[in-house]
Amino acid sequence: MQDERSEETNDNSDEQKAHEKLKLARSIIKEAVTNAGIKDISEYKGEPLTNRWHVFSANHGDDVVLRMYVQGIFGVINADVSILHAAGWAIDETELVLNRPDATELLDFTEEERPDLLHENARMIVEQFVRQVPIIFYPLISKALRQSIEAHVNNHVKTLLKDHWQALGKPKDFTLSPSTTFMDYAKKIDEEFEALMKGLLGNRRAWLTAERREHLDEEHEQLRASYQVAKDYYNQSRQAFFLGKRNRTVDEWNEEWMTNSLRIFPDLSYRCLSEINDYQPFELAHIHLGERYDYSPQYMAKLISDASGLKRRKNESKMKKSE
């Protein structure tokens, strides 16, 4: 009887742990998808999908599924990717580190902070996973097609024509290769993928490719306009907040703003939204781009000015030629 009670207690304990883990995973998934700027599939209204990849989210029971449309030079991938299992692994791996005998000393935290650390670190891993999945998918078709061509040449063409090539006096290592056009496209995809992965693995400067640098002024202008909208909304909402009820404090407004601002403006920087009252929109755009590309806001301002100046000189040159 005692053994049966013990087993029942263990079963209940395991069931409770599984329930708590599922609850944590669902919370983490929701936050990660929101922070990554992934919109719900219901918000897609049929507009053309022209980017390299488009990602939406959809609820599926306890899980959230990423619905992806990834298009490359050599084909298109439509895929649904479950997040729940990845979130479970992220929680387990984070717990293993936090449960080390020397964890509190090594990672400089207290026992009271353990739940928050588990939540935050697992959430960041899942958010990174959400951002990385479409990038990993992007070169797959290129790689599969390239390897299919190589396999065809090695397994069939060479086997069939090896003796014939030797009779023609070709060297023993002679083979046929994909066209230069094909290989150039494949190389371009590999280089783009490598730069993207460097950015994801911590080298954010790798994101600032020559093409992006050339259009940096346009990117800045789009962000400046977005922060102007956010700043206008901030001022109007702040005024309404204090008019709506007497004796409200600035601290209460700041808490209200930071609770809702990222949900309202998911594509903007959390830091910039928290400091939106301290800077002009063009300055907030500099800070945002500095965070994105791992440069100081001052250096980003210089790069933006350089991009704008280069375009101006090109336009002036075109006008002179037309005259």
Foldseek 3Di string as FASTA:
>chain_A
DVVVVVVVVVVVVVVVVVVVLLVLLLVLLVVLCLLLVAAAPVPDPPDDDDDQKHWHWDDDPSWIWIFMWGDAPQGIDTDIHTLSVVLSVLLVVQVVQCPPPCNCVVVVDDPVCVVVSSSVRSSVSSSLVVVCVSLVVHLPSLVVVQVVVVCCFVVPVCVVCVVVCVVVVHDNPDTDHDDPVSVVRSVVSVLVSVLVVCCSVPQLLSVCDPVCLLCLLVQLVVQLVVLVVLLVVLVVVVVCVPVVDDPDDPVNSLVVQLVCVCSVVVPADSVCSSCSVPDHSSLSSLPRVCVRNVHHSVVSVVSSVVSVVVVVVVVVVVVVVVD
